[in-house]
Amino acid sequence: MNDIRKTPSVTAHQLADAPWRKSTRSQTSNCVEVAPLGTGPSAVALRDSKDQSGPVLQFNRSGWLGFIAGAKKGQFDLN
């Protein structure tokens, strides 16, 4: 899952109309937004809600499921 591959880049501007969603459990900071993508090699986009014009991570379906599994296990916790 930590394997970084070169994939076609999509800018935040190109995803401005994507159906971005933020968890209802999110606080006012430290939030991310997720958007399902209907076409192309990527299935899901992820961005920082505080920097909506900033970088966007893209995941294919298996990468997204691996990311969610890792997050639930605390793999990305900073503590």
PDB file of N, CA and C in Angstrom:
ATOM      1  N   MET A   1       0.806  -1.191   0.000  1.00  0.00           N
ATOM      2  CA  MET A   1       0.000   0.000   0.000  1.00  0.00           C
ATOM      3  C   MET A   1       0.852   1.258   0.000  1.00  0.00           C
ATOM      4  N   ASN A   2       2.053   1.189   0.490  1.00  0.00           N
ATOM      5  CA  ASN A   2       2.911   2.355   0.524  1.00  0.00           C
ATOM      6  C   ASN A   2       3.637   2.586  -0.787  1.00  0.00           C
ATOM      7  N   ASP A   3       3.315   1.821  -1.798  1.00  0.00           N
ATOM      8  CA  ASP A   3       3.941   1.926  -3.092  1.00  0.00           C
ATOM      9  C   ASP A   3       3.367   3.127  -3.841  1.00  0.00           C
ATOM     10  N   ILE A   4       4.221   4.091  -4.191  1.00  0.00           N
ATOM     11  CA  ILE A   4       3.775   5.280  -4.900  1.00  0.00           C
ATOM     12  C   ILE A   4       4.009   5.068  -6.389  1.00  0.00           C
ATOM     13  N   ARG A   5       2.967   5.216  -7.156  1.00  0.00           N
ATOM     14  CA  ARG A   5       3.055   5.040  -8.600  1.00  0.00           C
ATOM     15  C   ARG A   5       2.723   6.352  -9.282  1.00  0.00           C
ATOM     16  N   LYS A   6       3.281   6.556 -10.459  1.00  0.00           N
ATOM     17  CA  LYS A   6       2.939   7.731 -11.237  1.00  0.00           C
ATOM     18  C   LYS A   6       1.573   7.506 -11.861  1.00  0.00           C
ATOM     19  N   THR A   7       0.659   8.427 -11.576  1.00  0.00           N
ATOM     20  CA  THR A   7      -0.675   8.356 -12.141  1.00  0.00           C
ATOM     21  C   THR A   7      -1.005   9.702 -12.757  1.00  0.00           C
ATOM     22  N   PRO A   8      -1.948   9.732 -13.680  1.00  0.00           N
ATOM     23  CA  PRO A   8      -2.319  11.017 -14.259  1.00  0.00           C
ATOM     24  C   PRO A   8      -2.751  11.989 -13.164  1.00  0.00           C
ATOM     25  N   SER A   9      -2.266  13.204 -13.254  1.00  0.00           N
ATOM     26  CA  SER A   9      -2.561  14.201 -12.233  1.00  0.00           C
ATOM     27  C   SER A   9      -3.869  14.923 -12.555  1.00  0.00           C
ATOM     28  N   VAL A  10      -4.659  15.131 -11.530  1.00  0.00           N
ATOM     29  CA  VAL A  10      -5.880  15.909 -11.642  1.00  0.00           C
ATOM     30  C   VAL A  10      -5.746  17.057 -10.666  1.00  0.00           C
ATOM     31  N   THR A  11      -5.991  18.266 -11.130  1.00  0.00           N
ATOM     32  CA  THR A  11      -5.858  19.414 -10.249  1.00  0.00           C
ATOM     33  C   THR A  11      -7.123  19.614  -9.428  1.00  0.00           C
ATOM     34  N   ALA A  12      -6.984  20.339  -8.344  1.00  0.00           N
ATOM     35  CA  ALA A  12      -8.138  20.648  -7.493  1.00  0.00           C
ATOM     36  C   ALA A  12      -9.184  21.409  -8.295  1.00  0.00           C
ATOM     37  N   HIS A  13      -8.738  22.250  -9.215  1.00  0.00           N
ATOM     38  CA  HIS A  13      -9.666  23.019 -10.052  1.00  0.00           C
ATOM     39  C   HIS A  13     -10.535  22.085 -10.895  1.00  0.00           C
ATOM     40  N   GLN A  14      -9.932  21.025 -11.424  1.00  0.00           N
ATOM     41  CA  GLN A  14     -10.682  20.068 -12.234  1.00  0.00           C
ATOM     42  C   GLN A  14     -11.700  19.299 -11.398  1.00  0.00           C
ATOM     43  N   LEU A  15     -11.493  19.217 -10.100  1.00  0.00           N
ATOM     44  CA  LEU A  15     -12.405  18.486  -9.217  1.00  0.00           C
ATOM     45  C   LEU A  15     -13.311  19.421  -8.416  1.00  0.00           C
ATOM     46  N   ALA A  16     -13.357  20.688  -8.795  1.00  0.00           N
ATOM     47  CA  ALA A  16     -14.143  21.667  -8.042  1.00  0.00           C
ATOM     48  C   ALA A  16     -15.616  21.285  -7.963  1.00  0.00           C
ATOM     49  N   ASP A  17     -16.139  20.651  -9.000  1.00  0.00           N
ATOM     50  CA  ASP A  17     -17.555  20.276  -9.014  1.00  0.00           C
ATOM     51  C   ASP A  17     -17.800  18.854  -8.526  1.00  0.00           C
ATOM     52  N   ALA A  18     -16.755  18.193  -8.044  1.00  0.00           N
ATOM     53  CA  ALA A  18     -16.921  16.834  -7.518  1.00  0.00           C
ATOM     54  C   ALA A  18     -17.813  16.874  -6.278  1.00  0.00           C
ATOM     55  N   PRO A  19     -18.524  15.794  -6.000  1.00  0.00           N
ATOM     56  CA  PRO A  19     -19.407  15.765  -4.825  1.00  0.00           C
ATOM     57  C   PRO A  19     -18.625  15.531  -3.520  1.00  0.00           C
ATOM     58  N   TRP A  20     -17.878  16.538  -3.076  1.00  0.00           N
ATOM     59  CA  TRP A  20     -17.058  16.427  -1.870  1.00  0.00           C
ATOM     60  C   TRP A  20     -17.936  16.251  -0.640  1.00  0.00           C
ATOM     61  N   ARG A  21     -17.507  15.367   0.255  1.00  0.00           N
ATOM     62  CA  ARG A  21     -18.226  15.120   1.508  1.00  0.00           C
ATOM     63  C   ARG A  21     -17.244  15.138   2.674  1.00  0.00           C
ATOM     64  N   LYS A  22     -17.726  15.655   3.782  1.00  0.00           N
ATOM     65  CA  LYS A  22     -16.938  15.673   5.015  1.00  0.00           C
ATOM     66  C   LYS A  22     -17.750  14.954   6.080  1.00  0.00           C
ATOM     67  N   SER A  23     -17.083  14.218   6.921  1.00  0.00           N
ATOM     68  CA  SER A  23     -17.777  13.483   7.971  1.00  0.00           C
ATOM     69  C   SER A  23     -18.547  14.427   8.875  1.00  0.00           C
ATOM     70  N   THR A  24     -19.710  13.992   9.292  1.00  0.00           N
ATOM     71  CA  THR A  24     -20.491  14.790  10.236  1.00  0.00           C
ATOM     72  C   THR A  24     -19.826  14.830  11.604  1.00  0.00           C
ATOM     73  N   ARG A  25     -18.874  13.922  11.831  1.00  0.00           N
ATOM     74  CA  ARG A  25     -18.132  13.899  13.106  1.00  0.00           C
ATOM     75  C   ARG A  25     -16.904  14.796  13.073  1.00  0.00           C
ATOM     76  N   SER A  26     -16.657  15.447  11.941  1.00  0.00           N
ATOM     77  CA  SER A  26     -15.494  16.324  11.814  1.00  0.00           C
ATOM     78  C   SER A  26     -15.635  17.538  12.713  1.00  0.00           C
ATOM     79  N   GLN A  27     -14.475  17.987  13.176  1.00  0.00           N
ATOM     80  CA  GLN A  27     -14.443  19.212  13.960  1.00  0.00           C
ATOM     81  C   GLN A  27     -14.186  20.362  12.997  1.00  0.00           C
ATOM     82  N   THR A  28     -13.892  21.541  13.519  1.00  0.00           N
ATOM     83  CA  THR A  28     -13.670  22.692  12.653  1.00  0.00           C
ATOM     84  C   THR A  28     -12.296  22.660  11.996  1.00  0.00           C
ATOM     85  N   SER A  29     -11.399  21.828  12.476  1.00  0.00           N
ATOM     86  CA  SER A  29     -10.077  21.708  11.857  1.00  0.00           C
ATOM     87  C   SER A  29      -9.700  20.234  11.766  1.00  0.00           C
ATOM     88  N   ASN A  30      -8.583  19.964  11.123  1.00  0.00           N
ATOM     89  CA  ASN A  30      -8.081  18.592  10.963  1.00  0.00           C
ATOM     90  C   ASN A  30      -9.076  17.689  10.242  1.00  0.00           C
ATOM     91  N   CYS A  31      -9.719  18.208   9.212  1.00  0.00           N
ATOM     92  CA  CYS A  31     -10.715  17.441   8.482  1.00  0.00           C
ATOM     93  C   CYS A  31     -10.229  17.143   7.066  1.00  0.00           C
ATOM     94  N   VAL A  32     -10.725  16.067   6.541  1.00  0.00           N
ATOM     95  CA  VAL A  32     -10.508  15.759   5.140  1.00  0.00           C
ATOM     96  C   VAL A  32     -11.863  15.602   4.477  1.00  0.00           C
ATOM     97  N   GLU A  33     -11.867  15.782   3.171  1.00  0.00           N
ATOM     98  CA  GLU A  33     -13.075  15.597   2.382  1.00  0.00           C
ATOM     99  C   GLU A  33     -12.804  14.521   1.351  1.00  0.00           C
ATOM    100  N   VAL A  34     -13.817  13.750   1.034  1.00  0.00           N
ATOM    101  CA  VAL A  34     -13.694  12.662   0.080  1.00  0.00           C
ATOM    102  C   VAL A  34     -14.742  12.848  -1.011  1.00  0.00           C
ATOM    103  N   ALA A  35     -14.362  12.477  -2.237  1.00  0.00           N
ATOM    104  CA  ALA A  35     -15.302  12.552  -3.361  1.00  0.00           C
ATOM    105  C   ALA A  35     -15.149  11.313  -4.222  1.00  0.00           C
ATOM    106  N   PRO A  36     -16.254  10.628  -4.493  1.00  0.00           N
ATOM    107  CA  PRO A  36     -16.185   9.512  -5.435  1.00  0.00           C
ATOM    108  C   PRO A  36     -15.996  10.061  -6.849  1.00  0.00           C
ATOM    109  N   LEU A  37     -15.185   9.382  -7.631  1.00  0.00           N
ATOM    110  CA  LEU A  37     -14.947   9.791  -9.019  1.00  0.00           C
ATOM    111  C   LEU A  37     -15.605   8.775  -9.936  1.00  0.00           C
ATOM    112  N   GLY A  38     -16.358   9.249 -10.876  1.00  0.00           N
ATOM    113  CA  GLY A  38     -17.125   8.353 -11.726  1.00  0.00           C
ATOM    114  C   GLY A  38     -16.354   7.730 -12.871  1.00  0.00           C
ATOM    115  N   THR A  39     -15.276   8.365 -13.330  1.00  0.00           N
ATOM    116  CA  THR A  39     -14.567   7.854 -14.497  1.00  0.00           C
ATOM    117  C   THR A  39     -13.067   7.873 -14.270  1.00  0.00           C
ATOM    118  N   GLY A  40     -12.350   7.184 -15.122  1.00  0.00           N
ATOM    119  CA  GLY A  40     -10.891   7.181 -15.063  1.00  0.00           C
ATOM    120  C   GLY A  40     -10.355   6.111 -14.147  1.00  0.00           C
ATOM    121  N   PRO A  41      -9.019   6.071 -14.004  1.00  0.00           N
ATOM    122  CA  PRO A  41      -8.395   5.019 -13.199  1.00  0.00           C
ATOM    123  C   PRO A  41      -8.588   5.194 -11.699  1.00  0.00           C
ATOM    124  N   SER A  42      -8.891   6.394 -11.268  1.00  0.00           N
ATOM    125  CA  SER A  42      -9.081   6.645  -9.842  1.00  0.00           C
ATOM    126  C   SER A  42     -10.552   6.523  -9.481  1.00  0.00           C
ATOM    127  N   ALA A  43     -10.818   6.009  -8.302  1.00  0.00           N
ATOM    128  CA  ALA A  43     -12.195   5.819  -7.847  1.00  0.00           C
ATOM    129  C   ALA A  43     -12.596   6.842  -6.791  1.00  0.00           C
ATOM    130  N   VAL A  44     -11.604   7.376  -6.047  1.00  0.00           N
ATOM    131  CA  VAL A  44     -11.882   8.275  -4.930  1.00  0.00           C
ATOM    132  C   VAL A  44     -10.814   9.358  -4.877  1.00  0.00           C
ATOM    133  N   ALA A  45     -11.238  10.571  -4.556  1.00  0.00           N
ATOM    134  CA  ALA A  45     -10.303  11.675  -4.343  1.00  0.00           C
ATOM    135  C   ALA A  45     -10.406  12.118  -2.886  1.00  0.00           C
ATOM    136  N   LEU A  46      -9.293  12.585  -2.330  1.00  0.00           N
ATOM    137  CA  LEU A  46      -9.222  12.988  -0.928  1.00  0.00           C
ATOM    138  C   LEU A  46      -8.465  14.302  -0.848  1.00  0.00           C
ATOM    139  N   ARG A  47      -8.975  15.252  -0.069  1.00  0.00           N
ATOM    140  CA  ARG A  47      -8.301  16.546   0.081  1.00  0.00           C
ATOM    141  C   ARG A  47      -8.463  17.074   1.497  1.00  0.00           C
ATOM    142  N   ASP A  48      -7.644  18.054   1.837  1.00  0.00           N
ATOM    143  CA  ASP A  48      -7.703  18.746   3.123  1.00  0.00           C
ATOM    144  C   ASP A  48      -8.819  19.781   3.041  1.00  0.00           C
ATOM    145  N   SER A  49      -9.757  19.740   3.955  1.00  0.00           N
ATOM    146  CA  SER A  49     -10.884  20.676   3.901  1.00  0.00           C
ATOM    147  C   SER A  49     -10.467  22.124   4.133  1.00  0.00           C
ATOM    148  N   LYS A  50      -9.315  22.327   4.778  1.00  0.00           N
ATOM    149  CA  LYS A  50      -8.836  23.691   5.018  1.00  0.00           C
ATOM    150  C   LYS A  50      -8.127  24.269   3.799  1.00  0.00           C
ATOM    151  N   ASP A  51      -7.734  23.423   2.853  1.00  0.00           N
ATOM    152  CA  ASP A  51      -7.004  23.863   1.659  1.00  0.00           C
ATOM    153  C   ASP A  51      -7.647  23.232   0.430  1.00  0.00           C
ATOM    154  N   GLN A  52      -8.850  23.659   0.122  1.00  0.00           N
ATOM    155  CA  GLN A  52      -9.620  23.034  -0.941  1.00  0.00           C
ATOM    156  C   GLN A  52      -9.024  23.233  -2.330  1.00  0.00           C
ATOM    157  N   SER A  53      -8.126  24.186  -2.486  1.00  0.00           N
ATOM    158  CA  SER A  53      -7.458  24.362  -3.777  1.00  0.00           C
ATOM    159  C   SER A  53      -6.072  23.723  -3.777  1.00  0.00           C
ATOM    160  N   GLY A  54      -5.759  23.003  -2.701  1.00  0.00           N
ATOM    161  CA  GLY A  54      -4.453  22.360  -2.564  1.00  0.00           C
ATOM    162  C   GLY A  54      -4.401  20.976  -3.189  1.00  0.00           C
ATOM    163  N   PRO A  55      -3.415  20.199  -2.797  1.00  0.00           N
ATOM    164  CA  PRO A  55      -3.219  18.871  -3.385  1.00  0.00           C
ATOM    165  C   PRO A  55      -4.402  17.936  -3.145  1.00  0.00           C
ATOM    166  N   VAL A  56      -4.583  17.034  -4.082  1.00  0.00           N
ATOM    167  CA  VAL A  56      -5.649  16.029  -4.013  1.00  0.00           C
ATOM    168  C   VAL A  56      -5.010  14.657  -4.162  1.00  0.00           C
ATOM    169  N   LEU A  57      -5.296  13.766  -3.239  1.00  0.00           N
ATOM    170  CA  LEU A  57      -4.846  12.377  -3.359  1.00  0.00           C
ATOM    171  C   LEU A  57      -5.916  11.593  -4.102  1.00  0.00           C
ATOM    172  N   GLN A  58      -5.471  10.700  -4.974  1.00  0.00           N
ATOM    173  CA  GLN A  58      -6.413   9.869  -5.713  1.00  0.00           C
ATOM    174  C   GLN A  58      -6.115   8.404  -5.429  1.00  0.00           C
ATOM    175  N   PHE A  59      -7.160   7.630  -5.264  1.00  0.00           N
ATOM    176  CA  PHE A  59      -7.031   6.212  -4.967  1.00  0.00           C
ATOM    177  C   PHE A  59      -7.857   5.400  -5.952  1.00  0.00           C
ATOM    178  N   ASN A  60      -7.313   4.251  -6.374  1.00  0.00           N
ATOM    179  CA  ASN A  60      -8.177   3.298  -7.057  1.00  0.00           C
ATOM    180  C   ASN A  60      -8.942   2.556  -5.966  1.00  0.00           C
ATOM    181  N   ARG A  61      -9.854   1.684  -6.358  1.00  0.00           N
ATOM    182  CA  ARG A  61     -10.713   1.030  -5.365  1.00  0.00           C
ATOM    183  C   ARG A  61      -9.912   0.237  -4.335  1.00  0.00           C
ATOM    184  N   SER A  62      -8.965  -0.567  -4.774  1.00  0.00           N
ATOM    185  CA  SER A  62      -8.207  -1.376  -3.818  1.00  0.00           C
ATOM    186  C   SER A  62      -7.316  -0.501  -2.936  1.00  0.00           C
ATOM    187  N   GLY A  63      -6.755   0.566  -3.494  1.00  0.00           N
ATOM    188  CA  GLY A  63      -5.946   1.488  -2.695  1.00  0.00           C
ATOM    189  C   GLY A  63      -6.776   2.195  -1.639  1.00  0.00           C
ATOM    190  N   TRP A  64      -7.999   2.593  -1.994  1.00  0.00           N
ATOM    191  CA  TRP A  64      -8.893   3.252  -1.041  1.00  0.00           C
ATOM    192  C   TRP A  64      -9.269   2.317   0.099  1.00  0.00           C
ATOM    193  N   LEU A  65      -9.616   1.076  -0.246  1.00  0.00           N
ATOM    194  CA  LEU A  65      -9.975   0.113   0.793  1.00  0.00           C
ATOM    195  C   LEU A  65      -8.788  -0.153   1.718  1.00  0.00           C
ATOM    196  N   GLY A  66      -7.576  -0.198   1.151  1.00  0.00           N
ATOM    197  CA  GLY A  66      -6.380  -0.368   1.972  1.00  0.00           C
ATOM    198  C   GLY A  66      -6.126   0.835   2.862  1.00  0.00           C
ATOM    199  N   PHE A  67      -6.357   2.030   2.344  1.00  0.00           N
ATOM    200  CA  PHE A  67      -6.193   3.251   3.127  1.00  0.00           C
ATOM    201  C   PHE A  67      -7.166   3.268   4.309  1.00  0.00           C
ATOM    202  N   ILE A  68      -8.418   2.943   4.052  1.00  0.00           N
ATOM    203  CA  ILE A  68      -9.427   2.913   5.122  1.00  0.00           C
ATOM    204  C   ILE A  68      -9.060   1.868   6.174  1.00  0.00           C
ATOM    205  N   ALA A  69      -8.631   0.691   5.738  1.00  0.00           N
ATOM    206  CA  ALA A  69      -8.236  -0.359   6.683  1.00  0.00           C
ATOM    207  C   ALA A  69      -7.062   0.107   7.535  1.00  0.00           C
ATOM    208  N   GLY A  70      -6.063   0.752   6.921  1.00  0.00           N
ATOM    209  CA  GLY A  70      -4.914   1.260   7.663  1.00  0.00           C
ATOM    210  C   GLY A  70      -5.306   2.345   8.649  1.00  0.00           C
ATOM    211  N   ALA A  71      -6.208   3.229   8.250  1.00  0.00           N
ATOM    212  CA  ALA A  71      -6.667   4.292   9.143  1.00  0.00           C
ATOM    213  C   ALA A  71      -7.388   3.702  10.356  1.00  0.00           C
ATOM    214  N   LYS A  72      -8.213   2.697  10.128  1.00  0.00           N
ATOM    215  CA  LYS A  72      -8.933   2.063  11.243  1.00  0.00           C
ATOM    216  C   LYS A  72      -7.982   1.373  12.209  1.00  0.00           C
ATOM    217  N   LYS A  73      -6.857   0.876  11.707  1.00  0.00           N
ATOM    218  CA  LYS A  73      -5.867   0.198  12.551  1.00  0.00           C
ATOM    219  C   LYS A  73      -4.908   1.177  13.223  1.00  0.00           C
ATOM    220  N   GLY A  74      -5.015   2.455  12.884  1.00  0.00           N
ATOM    221  CA  GLY A  74      -4.137   3.459  13.471  1.00  0.00           C
ATOM    222  C   GLY A  74      -2.788   3.578  12.767  1.00  0.00           C
ATOM    223  N   GLN A  75      -2.674   3.026  11.582  1.00  0.00           N
ATOM    224  CA  GLN A  75      -1.407   3.025  10.846  1.00  0.00           C
ATOM    225  C   GLN A  75      -0.878   4.434  10.571  1.00  0.00           C
ATOM    226  N   PHE A  76      -1.761   5.415  10.480  1.00  0.00           N
ATOM    227  CA  PHE A  76      -1.354   6.768  10.119  1.00  0.00           C
ATOM    228  C   PHE A  76      -1.385   7.736  11.299  1.00  0.00           C
ATOM    229  N   ASP A  77      -1.641   7.211  12.496  1.00  0.00           N
ATOM    230  CA  ASP A  77      -1.672   8.062  13.688  1.00  0.00           C
ATOM    231  C   ASP A  77      -0.300   8.676  13.929  1.00  0.00           C
ATOM    232  N   LEU A  78      -0.295   9.926  14.342  1.00  0.00           N
ATOM    233  CA  LEU A  78       0.975  10.610  14.614  1.00  0.00           C
ATOM    234  C   LEU A  78       1.503  10.336  16.003  1.00  0.00           C
ATOM    235  N   ASN A  79       0.697   9.833  16.886  1.00  0.00           N
ATOM    236  CA  ASN A  79       1.128   9.573  18.268  1.00  0.00           C
ATOM    237  C   ASN A  79       1.833   8.260  18.387  1.00  0.00           C
TER     238      ASN A  79
END
